[in-house]
């Protein structure tokens, strides 16, 4: 299983954030917004600087790349609990 984060921040900002937060998983950059457009999860002009940001989204895809579970929220501070994610991965949803 691989865990990673994706942000609309630049690669440099993503690396700095990963170091600052002590994340043990990669934090990838989608500065061009290609992935968020492909997934249709772009908020238009909601960044304080006037730019576009991604809708906070957690995705679980299986080894074949099939999306099995999606969690979305309008509030970036709300995230699924680790126990919920582990239950989904174990197939006990």
PDB file of N, CA and C in Angstrom:
ATOM      1  N   UNK A   1       0.849  -1.171   0.000  1.00  0.00           N
ATOM      2  CA  UNK A   1       0.000   0.000   0.000  1.00  0.00           C
ATOM      3  C   UNK A   1       0.895   1.234   0.000  1.00  0.00           C
ATOM      4  N   UNK A   2       0.521   2.223  -0.788  1.00  0.00           N
ATOM      5  CA  UNK A   2       1.234   3.485  -0.829  1.00  0.00           C
ATOM      6  C   UNK A   2       0.307   4.606  -0.397  1.00  0.00           C
ATOM      7  N   UNK A   3       0.842   5.497   0.393  1.00  0.00           N
ATOM      8  CA  UNK A   3       0.112   6.679   0.833  1.00  0.00           C
ATOM      9  C   UNK A   3       0.890   7.892   0.342  1.00  0.00           C
ATOM     10  N   UNK A   4       0.178   8.853  -0.227  1.00  0.00           N
ATOM     11  CA  UNK A   4       0.821  10.092  -0.639  1.00  0.00           C
ATOM     12  C   UNK A   4      -0.220  11.195  -0.653  1.00  0.00           C
ATOM     13  N   UNK A   5       0.252  12.409  -0.575  1.00  0.00           N
ATOM     14  CA  UNK A   5      -0.614  13.572  -0.651  1.00  0.00           C
ATOM     15  C   UNK A   5      -0.331  14.319  -1.932  1.00  0.00           C
ATOM     16  N   UNK A   6      -1.320  15.052  -2.405  1.00  0.00           N
ATOM     17  CA  UNK A   6      -1.160  15.871  -3.597  1.00  0.00           C
ATOM     18  C   UNK A   6      -1.688  17.262  -3.270  1.00  0.00           C
ATOM     19  N   UNK A   7      -0.906  18.263  -3.624  1.00  0.00           N
ATOM     20  CA  UNK A   7      -1.252  19.645  -3.330  1.00  0.00           C
ATOM     21  C   UNK A   7      -1.124  20.483  -4.596  1.00  0.00           C
ATOM     22  N   UNK A   8      -1.821  21.602  -4.651  1.00  0.00           N
ATOM     23  CA  UNK A   8      -1.667  22.526  -5.769  1.00  0.00           C
ATOM     24  C   UNK A   8      -0.467  23.447  -5.568  1.00  0.00           C
ATOM     25  N   UNK A   9       0.230  23.280  -4.449  1.00  0.00           N
ATOM     26  CA  UNK A   9       1.423  24.080  -4.181  1.00  0.00           C
ATOM     27  C   UNK A   9       2.555  23.671  -5.114  1.00  0.00           C
ATOM     28  N   UNK A  10       3.539  24.536  -5.235  1.00  0.00           N
ATOM     29  CA  UNK A  10       4.711  24.236  -6.056  1.00  0.00           C
ATOM     30  C   UNK A  10       5.476  23.064  -5.451  1.00  0.00           C
ATOM     31  N   UNK A  11       6.312  22.394  -6.246  1.00  0.00           N
ATOM     32  CA  UNK A  11       7.131  21.311  -5.682  1.00  0.00           C
ATOM     33  C   UNK A  11       7.976  21.779  -4.499  1.00  0.00           C
ATOM     34  N   UNK A  12       8.527  22.979  -4.597  1.00  0.00           N
ATOM     35  CA  UNK A  12       9.355  23.509  -3.502  1.00  0.00           C
ATOM     36  C   UNK A  12       8.524  23.703  -2.231  1.00  0.00           C
ATOM     37  N   UNK A  13       7.331  24.291  -2.373  1.00  0.00           N
ATOM     38  CA  UNK A  13       6.464  24.505  -1.214  1.00  0.00           C
ATOM     39  C   UNK A  13       5.987  23.167  -0.632  1.00  0.00           C
ATOM     40  N   UNK A  14       5.717  22.192  -1.510  1.00  0.00           N
ATOM     41  CA  UNK A  14       5.295  20.868  -1.038  1.00  0.00           C
ATOM     42  C   UNK A  14       6.408  20.195  -0.236  1.00  0.00           C
ATOM     43  N   UNK A  15       7.647  20.301  -0.720  1.00  0.00           N
ATOM     44  CA  UNK A  15       8.787  19.723   0.029  1.00  0.00           C
ATOM     45  C   UNK A  15       8.958  20.408   1.377  1.00  0.00           C
ATOM     46  N   UNK A  16       8.836  21.738   1.383  1.00  0.00           N
ATOM     47  CA  UNK A  16       8.985  22.485   2.638  1.00  0.00           C
ATOM     48  C   UNK A  16       7.880  22.113   3.623  1.00  0.00           C
ATOM     49  N   UNK A  17       6.657  21.973   3.138  1.00  0.00           N
ATOM     50  CA  UNK A  17       5.543  21.591   4.006  1.00  0.00           C
ATOM     51  C   UNK A  17       5.758  20.194   4.567  1.00  0.00           C
ATOM     52  N   UNK A  18       6.211  19.287   3.742  1.00  0.00           N
ATOM     53  CA  UNK A  18       6.470  17.911   4.203  1.00  0.00           C
ATOM     54  C   UNK A  18       7.511  17.911   5.322  1.00  0.00           C
ATOM     55  N   UNK A  19       8.578  18.684   5.131  1.00  0.00           N
ATOM     56  CA  UNK A  19       9.612  18.773   6.182  1.00  0.00           C
ATOM     57  C   UNK A  19       9.050  19.412   7.449  1.00  0.00           C
ATOM     58  N   UNK A  20       8.322  20.518   7.273  1.00  0.00           N
ATOM     59  CA  UNK A  20       7.793  21.246   8.441  1.00  0.00           C
ATOM     60  C   UNK A  20       6.835  20.386   9.256  1.00  0.00           C
ATOM     61  N   UNK A  21       5.998  19.599   8.584  1.00  0.00           N
ATOM     62  CA  UNK A  21       5.028  18.755   9.275  1.00  0.00           C
ATOM     63  C   UNK A  21       5.586  17.396   9.676  1.00  0.00           C
ATOM     64  N   UNK A  22       6.791  17.069   9.196  1.00  0.00           N
ATOM     65  CA  UNK A  22       7.395  15.779   9.508  1.00  0.00           C
ATOM     66  C   UNK A  22       6.629  14.621   8.893  1.00  0.00           C
ATOM     67  N   UNK A  23       6.067  14.829   7.696  1.00  0.00           N
ATOM     68  CA  UNK A  23       5.288  13.780   7.046  1.00  0.00           C
ATOM     69  C   UNK A  23       6.195  12.632   6.616  1.00  0.00           C
ATOM     70  N   UNK A  24       5.728  11.426   6.798  1.00  0.00           N
ATOM     71  CA  UNK A  24       6.497  10.249   6.427  1.00  0.00           C
ATOM     72  C   UNK A  24       6.081   9.698   5.072  1.00  0.00           C
ATOM     73  N   UNK A  25       5.230  10.405   4.367  1.00  0.00           N
ATOM     74  CA  UNK A  25       4.794   9.995   3.039  1.00  0.00           C
ATOM     75  C   UNK A  25       5.072  11.134   2.070  1.00  0.00           C
ATOM     76  N   UNK A  26       5.196  10.834   0.779  1.00  0.00           N
ATOM     77  CA  UNK A  26       5.467  11.886  -0.201  1.00  0.00           C
ATOM     78  C   UNK A  26       4.305  12.869  -0.306  1.00  0.00           C
ATOM     79  N   UNK A  27       4.642  14.107  -0.535  1.00  0.00           N
ATOM     80  CA  UNK A  27       3.662  15.152  -0.807  1.00  0.00           C
ATOM     81  C   UNK A  27       3.979  15.670  -2.206  1.00  0.00           C
ATOM     82  N   UNK A  28       3.153  15.317  -3.158  1.00  0.00           N
ATOM     83  CA  UNK A  28       3.383  15.624  -4.559  1.00  0.00           C
ATOM     84  C   UNK A  28       2.731  16.943  -4.943  1.00  0.00           C
ATOM     85  N   UNK A  29       3.201  17.530  -6.031  1.00  0.00           N
ATOM     86  CA  UNK A  29       2.697  18.818  -6.487  1.00  0.00           C
ATOM     87  C   UNK A  29       1.852  18.673  -7.750  1.00  0.00           C
ATOM     88  N   UNK A  30       0.705  19.347  -7.753  1.00  0.00           N
ATOM     89  CA  UNK A  30      -0.141  19.468  -8.939  1.00  0.00           C
ATOM     90  C   UNK A  30      -0.315  20.950  -9.228  1.00  0.00           C
ATOM     91  N   UNK A  31       0.834  21.656  -9.295  1.00  0.00           N
ATOM     92  CA  UNK A  31       0.803  23.107  -9.466  1.00  0.00           C
ATOM     93  C   UNK A  31       0.092  23.522 -10.753  1.00  0.00           C
ATOM     94  N   UNK A  32       0.114  22.659 -11.764  1.00  0.00           N
ATOM     95  CA  UNK A  32      -0.578  22.963 -13.013  1.00  0.00           C
ATOM     96  C   UNK A  32      -2.060  22.645 -12.982  1.00  0.00           C
ATOM     97  N   UNK A  33      -2.523  22.070 -11.894  1.00  0.00           N
ATOM     98  CA  UNK A  33      -3.933  21.711 -11.658  1.00  0.00           C
ATOM     99  C   UNK A  33      -4.480  20.675 -12.633  1.00  0.00           C
ATOM    100  N   UNK A  34      -3.606  19.872 -13.258  1.00  0.00           N
ATOM    101  CA  UNK A  34      -4.073  18.854 -14.197  1.00  0.00           C
ATOM    102  C   UNK A  34      -4.887  17.764 -13.504  1.00  0.00           C
ATOM    103  N   UNK A  35      -4.400  17.266 -12.358  1.00  0.00           N
ATOM    104  CA  UNK A  35      -5.101  16.195 -11.657  1.00  0.00           C
ATOM    105  C   UNK A  35      -6.424  16.670 -11.077  1.00  0.00           C
ATOM    106  N   UNK A  36      -6.422  17.849 -10.443  1.00  0.00           N
ATOM    107  CA  UNK A  36      -7.691  18.303  -9.861  1.00  0.00           C
ATOM    108  C   UNK A  36      -8.731  18.567 -10.943  1.00  0.00           C
ATOM    109  N   UNK A  37      -8.279  18.976 -12.141  1.00  0.00           N
ATOM    110  CA  UNK A  37      -9.227  19.142 -13.242  1.00  0.00           C
ATOM    111  C   UNK A  37      -9.721  17.784 -13.735  1.00  0.00           C
ATOM    112  N   UNK A  38      -8.821  16.828 -13.857  1.00  0.00           N
ATOM    113  CA  UNK A  38      -9.206  15.478 -14.284  1.00  0.00           C
ATOM    114  C   UNK A  38     -10.228  14.881 -13.314  1.00  0.00           C
ATOM    115  N   UNK A  39     -10.017  15.121 -12.013  1.00  0.00           N
ATOM    116  CA  UNK A  39     -10.916  14.593 -10.986  1.00  0.00           C
ATOM    117  C   UNK A  39     -12.133  15.490 -10.748  1.00  0.00           C
ATOM    118  N   UNK A  40     -12.161  16.648 -11.404  1.00  0.00           N
ATOM    119  CA  UNK A  40     -13.252  17.616 -11.269  1.00  0.00           C
ATOM    120  C   UNK A  40     -13.457  18.043  -9.818  1.00  0.00           C
ATOM    121  N   UNK A  41     -12.338  18.407  -9.173  1.00  0.00           N
ATOM    122  CA  UNK A  41     -12.404  18.833  -7.772  1.00  0.00           C
ATOM    123  C   UNK A  41     -11.762  20.213  -7.587  1.00  0.00           C
ATOM    124  N   UNK A  42     -11.935  21.099  -8.552  1.00  0.00           N
ATOM    125  CA  UNK A  42     -11.339  22.428  -8.457  1.00  0.00           C
ATOM    126  C   UNK A  42     -12.359  23.430  -7.918  1.00  0.00           C
ATOM    127  N   UNK A  43     -11.940  24.174  -6.872  1.00  0.00           N
ATOM    128  CA  UNK A  43     -12.689  25.340  -6.400  1.00  0.00           C
ATOM    129  C   UNK A  43     -12.102  26.546  -7.134  1.00  0.00           C
ATOM    130  N   UNK A  44     -12.898  27.319  -7.753  1.00  0.00           N
ATOM    131  CA  UNK A  44     -12.408  28.475  -8.498  1.00  0.00           C
ATOM    132  C   UNK A  44     -12.227  29.677  -7.574  1.00  0.00           C
ATOM    133  N   UNK A  45     -11.052  30.263  -7.621  1.00  0.00           N
ATOM    134  CA  UNK A  45     -10.698  31.523  -6.944  1.00  0.00           C
ATOM    135  C   UNK A  45     -11.042  31.554  -5.463  1.00  0.00           C
ATOM    136  N   UNK A  46     -10.842  30.457  -4.766  1.00  0.00           N
ATOM    137  CA  UNK A  46     -11.127  30.465  -3.331  1.00  0.00           C
ATOM    138  C   UNK A  46      -9.862  30.578  -2.485  1.00  0.00           C
ATOM    139  N   UNK A  47      -8.714  30.557  -3.108  1.00  0.00           N
ATOM    140  CA  UNK A  47      -7.459  30.752  -2.396  1.00  0.00           C
ATOM    141  C   UNK A  47      -7.417  32.218  -1.948  1.00  0.00           C
ATOM    142  N   UNK A  48      -6.913  32.504  -0.741  1.00  0.00           N
ATOM    143  CA  UNK A  48      -6.850  33.903  -0.291  1.00  0.00           C
ATOM    144  C   UNK A  48      -6.125  34.823  -1.277  1.00  0.00           C
ATOM    145  N   UNK A  49      -5.196  34.259  -2.060  1.00  0.00           N
ATOM    146  CA  UNK A  49      -4.479  35.079  -3.043  1.00  0.00           C
ATOM    147  C   UNK A  49      -5.262  35.202  -4.346  1.00  0.00           C
ATOM    148  N   UNK A  50      -6.446  34.596  -4.423  1.00  0.00           N
ATOM    149  CA  UNK A  50      -7.282  34.700  -5.606  1.00  0.00           C
ATOM    150  C   UNK A  50      -7.149  33.543  -6.571  1.00  0.00           C
ATOM    151  N   UNK A  51      -6.277  32.584  -6.281  1.00  0.00           N
ATOM    152  CA  UNK A  51      -6.087  31.443  -7.164  1.00  0.00           C
ATOM    153  C   UNK A  51      -7.067  30.322  -6.880  1.00  0.00           C
ATOM    154  N   UNK A  52      -7.003  29.300  -7.707  1.00  0.00           N
ATOM    155  CA  UNK A  52      -7.865  28.130  -7.549  1.00  0.00           C
ATOM    156  C   UNK A  52      -7.215  27.129  -6.603  1.00  0.00           C
ATOM    157  N   UNK A  53      -8.040  26.403  -5.876  1.00  0.00           N
ATOM    158  CA  UNK A  53      -7.558  25.356  -4.976  1.00  0.00           C
ATOM    159  C   UNK A  53      -8.378  24.088  -5.205  1.00  0.00           C
ATOM    160  N   UNK A  54      -7.912  22.994  -4.648  1.00  0.00           N
ATOM    161  CA  UNK A  54      -8.641  21.726  -4.770  1.00  0.00           C
ATOM    162  C   UNK A  54      -9.645  21.589  -3.634  1.00  0.00           C
ATOM    163  N   UNK A  55     -10.772  20.944  -3.929  1.00  0.00           N
ATOM    164  CA  UNK A  55     -11.714  20.562  -2.883  1.00  0.00           C
ATOM    165  C   UNK A  55     -11.006  19.512  -2.033  1.00  0.00           C
ATOM    166  N   UNK A  56     -10.977  19.666  -0.708  1.00  0.00           N
ATOM    167  CA  UNK A  56     -10.324  18.649   0.127  1.00  0.00           C
ATOM    168  C   UNK A  56     -10.932  17.269  -0.130  1.00  0.00           C
ATOM    169  N   UNK A  57     -10.107  16.347  -0.611  1.00  0.00           N
ATOM    170  CA  UNK A  57     -10.570  15.037  -1.042  1.00  0.00           C
ATOM    171  C   UNK A  57      -9.589  13.958  -0.605  1.00  0.00           C
ATOM    172  N   UNK A  58     -10.120  12.852  -0.092  1.00  0.00           N
ATOM    173  CA  UNK A  58      -9.321  11.669   0.229  1.00  0.00           C
ATOM    174  C   UNK A  58      -9.842  10.552  -0.658  1.00  0.00           C
ATOM    175  N   UNK A  59      -8.928   9.874  -1.360  1.00  0.00           N
ATOM    176  CA  UNK A  59      -9.312   8.824  -2.301  1.00  0.00           C
ATOM    177  C   UNK A  59      -8.586   7.540  -1.931  1.00  0.00           C
ATOM    178  N   UNK A  60      -9.314   6.443  -1.946  1.00  0.00           N
ATOM    179  CA  UNK A  60      -8.688   5.121  -1.794  1.00  0.00           C
ATOM    180  C   UNK A  60      -8.878   4.377  -3.108  1.00  0.00           C
ATOM    181  N   UNK A  61      -7.772   4.044  -3.751  1.00  0.00           N
ATOM    182  CA  UNK A  61      -7.809   3.255  -4.980  1.00  0.00           C
ATOM    183  C   UNK A  61      -7.112   1.935  -4.708  1.00  0.00           C
ATOM    184  N   UNK A  62      -7.649   0.847  -5.271  1.00  0.00           N
ATOM    185  CA  UNK A  62      -7.037  -0.458  -5.044  1.00  0.00           C
ATOM    186  C   UNK A  62      -5.809  -0.639  -5.939  1.00  0.00           C
ATOM    187  N   UNK A  63      -5.197  -1.797  -5.872  1.00  0.00           N
ATOM    188  CA  UNK A  63      -3.962  -2.058  -6.626  1.00  0.00           C
ATOM    189  C   UNK A  63      -4.159  -1.979  -8.130  1.00  0.00           C
ATOM    190  N   UNK A  64      -5.405  -2.141  -8.578  1.00  0.00           N
ATOM    191  CA  UNK A  64      -5.701  -2.057 -10.010  1.00  0.00           C
ATOM    192  C   UNK A  64      -6.044  -0.635 -10.442  1.00  0.00           C
ATOM    193  N   UNK A  65      -5.983   0.306  -9.498  1.00  0.00           N
ATOM    194  CA  UNK A  65      -6.299   1.695  -9.805  1.00  0.00           C
ATOM    195  C   UNK A  65      -7.781   2.010  -9.789  1.00  0.00           C
ATOM    196  N   UNK A  66      -8.593   1.085  -9.316  1.00  0.00           N
ATOM    197  CA  UNK A  66     -10.033   1.317  -9.234  1.00  0.00           C
ATOM    198  C   UNK A  66     -10.340   2.091  -7.956  1.00  0.00           C
ATOM    199  N   UNK A  67     -11.026   3.202  -8.096  1.00  0.00           N
ATOM    200  CA  UNK A  67     -11.374   4.012  -6.928  1.00  0.00           C
ATOM    201  C   UNK A  67     -12.470   3.293  -6.159  1.00  0.00           C
ATOM    202  N   UNK A  68     -12.173   2.976  -4.899  1.00  0.00           N
ATOM    203  CA  UNK A  68     -13.102   2.226  -4.050  1.00  0.00           C
ATOM    204  C   UNK A  68     -13.820   3.096  -3.031  1.00  0.00           C
ATOM    205  N   UNK A  69     -13.255   4.275  -2.737  1.00  0.00           N
ATOM    206  CA  UNK A  69     -13.852   5.119  -1.698  1.00  0.00           C
ATOM    207  C   UNK A  69     -13.362   6.542  -1.882  1.00  0.00           C
ATOM    208  N   UNK A  70     -14.255   7.507  -1.692  1.00  0.00           N
ATOM    209  CA  UNK A  70     -13.914   8.926  -1.792  1.00  0.00           C
ATOM    210  C   UNK A  70     -14.554   9.663  -0.634  1.00  0.00           C
ATOM    211  N   UNK A  71     -13.785  10.532  -0.021  1.00  0.00           N
ATOM    212  CA  UNK A  71     -14.292  11.406   1.040  1.00  0.00           C
ATOM    213  C   UNK A  71     -14.019  12.838   0.592  1.00  0.00           C
ATOM    214  N   UNK A  72     -15.061  13.673   0.539  1.00  0.00           N
ATOM    215  CA  UNK A  72     -14.904  15.082   0.182  1.00  0.00           C
ATOM    216  C   UNK A  72     -15.602  15.949   1.211  1.00  0.00           C
ATOM    217  N   UNK A  73     -15.064  17.140   1.393  1.00  0.00           N
ATOM    218  CA  UNK A  73     -15.645  18.088   2.329  1.00  0.00           C
ATOM    219  C   UNK A  73     -15.357  19.505   1.852  1.00  0.00           C
ATOM    220  N   UNK A  74     -16.174  20.431   2.267  1.00  0.00           N
ATOM    221  CA  UNK A  74     -15.921  21.843   1.979  1.00  0.00           C
ATOM    222  C   UNK A  74     -14.961  22.460   2.990  1.00  0.00           C
ATOM    223  N   UNK A  75     -14.696  21.756   4.070  1.00  0.00           N
ATOM    224  CA  UNK A  75     -13.867  22.269   5.165  1.00  0.00           C
ATOM    225  C   UNK A  75     -12.543  21.503   5.212  1.00  0.00           C
ATOM    226  N   UNK A  76     -11.451  22.180   4.861  1.00  0.00           N
ATOM    227  CA  UNK A  76     -10.143  21.517   4.818  1.00  0.00           C
ATOM    228  C   UNK A  76      -9.715  20.969   6.178  1.00  0.00           C
ATOM    229  N   UNK A  77     -10.330  21.429   7.246  1.00  0.00           N
ATOM    230  CA  UNK A  77      -9.961  20.944   8.589  1.00  0.00           C
ATOM    231  C   UNK A  77     -10.628  19.625   8.935  1.00  0.00           C
ATOM    232  N   UNK A  78     -11.628  19.216   8.150  1.00  0.00           N
ATOM    233  CA  UNK A  78     -12.359  17.977   8.407  1.00  0.00           C
ATOM    234  C   UNK A  78     -11.751  16.876   7.560  1.00  0.00           C
ATOM    235  N   UNK A  79     -11.319  15.824   8.199  1.00  0.00           N
ATOM    236  CA  UNK A  79     -10.727  14.681   7.508  1.00  0.00           C
ATOM    237  C   UNK A  79     -11.298  13.411   8.108  1.00  0.00           C
ATOM    238  N   UNK A  80     -11.309  12.332   7.331  1.00  0.00           N
ATOM    239  CA  UNK A  80     -11.770  11.065   7.918  1.00  0.00           C
ATOM    240  C   UNK A  80     -10.783  10.604   8.985  1.00  0.00           C
ATOM    241  N   UNK A  81     -11.290   9.930   9.977  1.00  0.00           N
ATOM    242  CA  UNK A  81     -10.441   9.417  11.051  1.00  0.00           C
ATOM    243  C   UNK A  81      -9.613   8.250  10.524  1.00  0.00           C
ATOM    244  N   UNK A  82      -8.401   8.085  11.017  1.00  0.00           N
ATOM    245  CA  UNK A  82      -7.556   6.972  10.567  1.00  0.00           C
ATOM    246  C   UNK A  82      -8.252   5.614  10.678  1.00  0.00           C
ATOM    247  N   UNK A  83      -9.039   5.422  11.745  1.00  0.00           N
ATOM    248  CA  UNK A  83      -9.741   4.150  11.922  1.00  0.00           C
ATOM    249  C   UNK A  83     -10.720   3.895  10.783  1.00  0.00           C
ATOM    250  N   UNK A  84     -11.366   4.967  10.313  1.00  0.00           N
ATOM    251  CA  UNK A  84     -12.310   4.830   9.209  1.00  0.00           C
ATOM    252  C   UNK A  84     -11.585   4.424   7.924  1.00  0.00           C
ATOM    253  N   UNK A  85     -10.462   5.049   7.654  1.00  0.00           N
ATOM    254  CA  UNK A  85      -9.678   4.718   6.462  1.00  0.00           C
ATOM    255  C   UNK A  85      -9.183   3.282   6.532  1.00  0.00           C
ATOM    256  N   UNK A  86      -8.670   2.869   7.677  1.00  0.00           N
ATOM    257  CA  UNK A  86      -8.190   1.490   7.820  1.00  0.00           C
ATOM    258  C   UNK A  86      -9.329   0.488   7.654  1.00  0.00           C
ATOM    259  N   UNK A  87     -10.518   0.823   8.138  1.00  0.00           N
ATOM    260  CA  UNK A  87     -11.686  -0.053   7.974  1.00  0.00           C
ATOM    261  C   UNK A  87     -12.051  -0.193   6.488  1.00  0.00           C
ATOM    262  N   UNK A  88     -11.995   0.909   5.763  1.00  0.00           N
ATOM    263  CA  UNK A  88     -12.301   0.892   4.327  1.00  0.00           C
ATOM    264  C   UNK A  88     -11.276   0.035   3.591  1.00  0.00           C
ATOM    265  N   UNK A  89     -10.007   0.225   3.896  1.00  0.00           N
ATOM    266  CA  UNK A  89      -8.949  -0.547   3.240  1.00  0.00           C
ATOM    267  C   UNK A  89      -9.095  -2.035   3.518  1.00  0.00           C
ATOM    268  N   UNK A  90      -9.499  -2.368   4.737  1.00  0.00           N
ATOM    269  CA  UNK A  90      -9.664  -3.771   5.112  1.00  0.00           C
ATOM    270  C   UNK A  90     -10.947  -4.382   4.515  1.00  0.00           C
ATOM    271  N   UNK A  91     -11.774  -3.545   3.862  1.00  0.00           N
ATOM    272  CA  UNK A  91     -12.986  -4.042   3.238  1.00  0.00           C
ATOM    273  C   UNK A  91     -14.154  -4.196   4.185  1.00  0.00           C
ATOM    274  N   UNK A  92     -14.079  -3.495   5.315  1.00  0.00           N
ATOM    275  CA  UNK A  92     -15.153  -3.584   6.311  1.00  0.00           C
ATOM    276  C   UNK A  92     -15.971  -2.294   6.321  1.00  0.00           C
ATOM    277  N   UNK A  93     -16.304  -1.792   5.163  1.00  0.00           N
ATOM    278  CA  UNK A  93     -17.062  -0.552   5.119  1.00  0.00           C
ATOM    279  C   UNK A  93     -18.514  -0.848   5.324  1.00  0.00           C
TER     280      UNK A  93
END
